[in-house]
Amino acid sequence: MATFAHPASGPSHLARTLAVGFIAGAVAVLVFHQGALAMLHALGLSPRAPYSMQLTAPWGVPQVWSLTFWGGVWGVILAAVFGRLDGPPLIAWSVLFGAIVPTLVVWFVLAPLKGQPVMAGADFHAMATGLIVNAAWGLGTGVGLLLFGHPHNRPERTI
């Protein structure tokens, strides 16, 4: 009789975690990030509409697809940092990571590169919107990693 178990470590597990991180991060932009932005916009708390098809520089990609790609890249980073966590700690750290790290990069790196004011020009609503939608992205990415990033414990099969 042979038994087959799912290994929980090693190169294949890392590759799976990073791939799931990319996919979860990209999907989280479309569902959680843009969903949170849609709610804030519907409530009149954000002037930015979700799912913007406005073209971005330098390649003219619609903004929603640019955000989706970069959400995947951030998902790989999140998975590399927190991929070994499981359950509520994974979700909590994912939300905190999403709220803080990408938001700070946008405020202090991307905004100046694009000729925009740092920290959203200290506009409270714009700053809060960034924190909320990025935290929502972190939640979605964490849920994706939790559901698909780890081999689930299955009963061993005998043949």
Foldseek 3Di string as FASTA:
>chain_A
DDKDFDDFDDDVLLVLLLQLLLVLQLVLLVPQLLVLVCVCVVVVLDVDHGPAQQFDPDPGGGPSVVSSNVSSVVSSVLCVVQVVDEDPVLLVVLLVCQLPVVLQCCQPPVQVVVVHHHCNVPPVSVNVSSNRSSSRSSNSSSVSSRVRSGPDGDDMDDD
